[in-house]
Protein backbone atom coordinates (compact mmCIF):
# COMPACT_ATOMS: atom_id res chain seq x y z
CA CYS A 1 0.12 -0.10 -0.16
CA TRP A 2 1.23 3.49 -0.70
CA ASP A 3 -0.43 6.48 1.13
CA GLU A 4 0.62 9.35 -1.25
CA PRO A 5 -2.26 11.66 -2.99
CA SER A 6 -0.83 10.26 -6.26
CA ARG A 7 -1.63 6.67 -5.62
CA LYS A 8 -5.20 7.21 -4.45
CA ALA A 9 -8.08 6.36 -6.04
CA VAL A 10 -12.25 6.33 -6.40
CA PHE A 11 -13.48 2.75 -5.74
CA ALA A 12 -16.85 1.35 -7.54
CA VAL A 13 -17.64 -1.38 -5.29
CA THR A 14 -20.40 -4.11 -6.47
CA LEU A 15 -21.03 -7.12 -4.34
CA VAL A 16 -22.87 -10.14 -5.14
CA VAL A 17 -24.02 -12.40 -1.92
CA GLU A 18 -26.21 -14.90 -1.12
CA ALA A 19 -30.07 -13.24 -0.25
CA HIS A 20 -30.12 -13.74 3.35
CA LEU A 21 -26.78 -12.22 3.82
CA THR A 22 -25.93 -8.54 4.98
CA ALA A 23 -23.19 -6.68 2.76
CA PHE A 24 -21.95 -3.31 2.98
CA SER A 25 -18.82 -1.30 2.22
CA ASN A 26 -17.68 2.56 2.85
CA MET A 27 -20.46 4.37 1.18
CA PRO A 28 -24.32 4.08 0.82
CA GLU A 29 -26.13 1.42 -1.39
CA LYS A 30 -26.94 3.12 -4.88
CA ALA A 31 -28.60 0.22 -5.88
CA MET A 32 -29.89 -3.51 -5.32
CA LYS A 33 -31.51 -6.27 -7.28
CA PHE A 34 -31.74 -9.89 -7.06
CA THR A 35 -30.28 -12.32 -9.35
CA LYS A 36 -29.86 -16.27 -9.73
CA ALA A 37 -26.83 -18.21 -9.64
CA GLY A 38 -27.85 -21.82 -10.32
CA SER A 39 -30.89 -22.51 -7.80
CA LYS A 40 -29.67 -19.76 -5.21
CA VAL A 41 -31.32 -16.14 -5.27
CA MET A 42 -28.42 -13.75 -5.16
CA ARG A 43 -28.33 -9.93 -4.22
CA GLU A 44 -26.46 -7.73 -6.24
CA ILE A 45 -25.62 -4.45 -4.05
CA SER A 46 -23.78 -1.73 -6.12
CA PHE A 47 -22.49 1.64 -3.76
CA MET A 48 -21.81 4.81 -4.47
CA ASP A 49 -18.62 5.63 -5.63
CA SER A 50 -16.04 6.41 -2.74
CA PRO A 51 -13.79 9.67 -2.75
CA LYS A 52 -10.48 9.33 -3.82
CA MET A 53 -8.68 7.23 -1.19
CA SER A 54 -6.12 4.69 -0.32
CA THR A 55 -6.62 1.03 -0.68
CA TYR A 56 -6.31 0.04 2.56
CA LEU A 57 -9.41 2.30 3.53
CA VAL A 58 -11.64 -0.12 1.21
CA ALA A 59 -14.16 -1.87 3.75
CA ILE A 60 -16.15 -4.87 2.27
CA VAL A 61 -18.03 -6.63 4.93
CA VAL A 62 -20.62 -9.77 4.51
CA GLY A 63 -22.15 -11.75 6.85
CA GLU A 64 -25.23 -12.17 9.18
CA PHE A 65 -25.91 -9.32 11.16
CA ASP A 66 -28.49 -7.56 13.34
CA PHE A 67 -28.57 -3.82 13.52
CA VAL A 68 -30.14 -0.68 15.60
CA GLN A 69 -30.52 2.44 13.80
CA ALA A 70 -31.73 6.26 14.90
CA LYS A 71 -31.39 9.36 13.31
CA THR A 72 -29.72 12.51 14.66
CA GLU A 73 -31.38 15.63 15.63
CA HIS A 74 -29.97 16.96 12.01
CA GLY A 75 -31.70 13.92 10.51
CA VAL A 76 -28.30 11.91 9.79
CA LEU A 77 -29.53 7.80 9.93
CA VAL A 78 -26.89 6.10 12.16
CA ARG A 79 -26.72 2.25 12.06
CA VAL A 80 -24.80 0.06 14.38
CA TYR A 81 -24.15 -3.68 13.29
CA THR A 82 -24.55 -6.51 15.82
CA PRO A 83 -23.89 -10.03 15.92
CA PRO A 84 -27.32 -12.01 15.51
CA GLY A 85 -29.56 -11.82 18.35
CA ARG A 86 -27.37 -8.99 19.91
CA SER A 87 -29.14 -5.83 18.65
CA GLU A 88 -31.43 -5.67 21.85
CA ALA A 89 -28.31 -6.22 24.44
């Protein structure tokens, strides 16, 4: 990894995951559609382009998660992901 301004890039992330899994990345979802891979139902999730950043900052998370969410007084949605069954703990 190079942490130099000339080495940074914009990342366009699209993930294809099993439909029951949660997937997220650095940016908000841009689009989501269901597809099939053989007999499996999959979700194709596209995220908005990132700002210019170093490669080591790209986050891709896929798994089984619960979440809690709320809006701040300024209307910003904040979501915290938890292991399954722990969102009420």
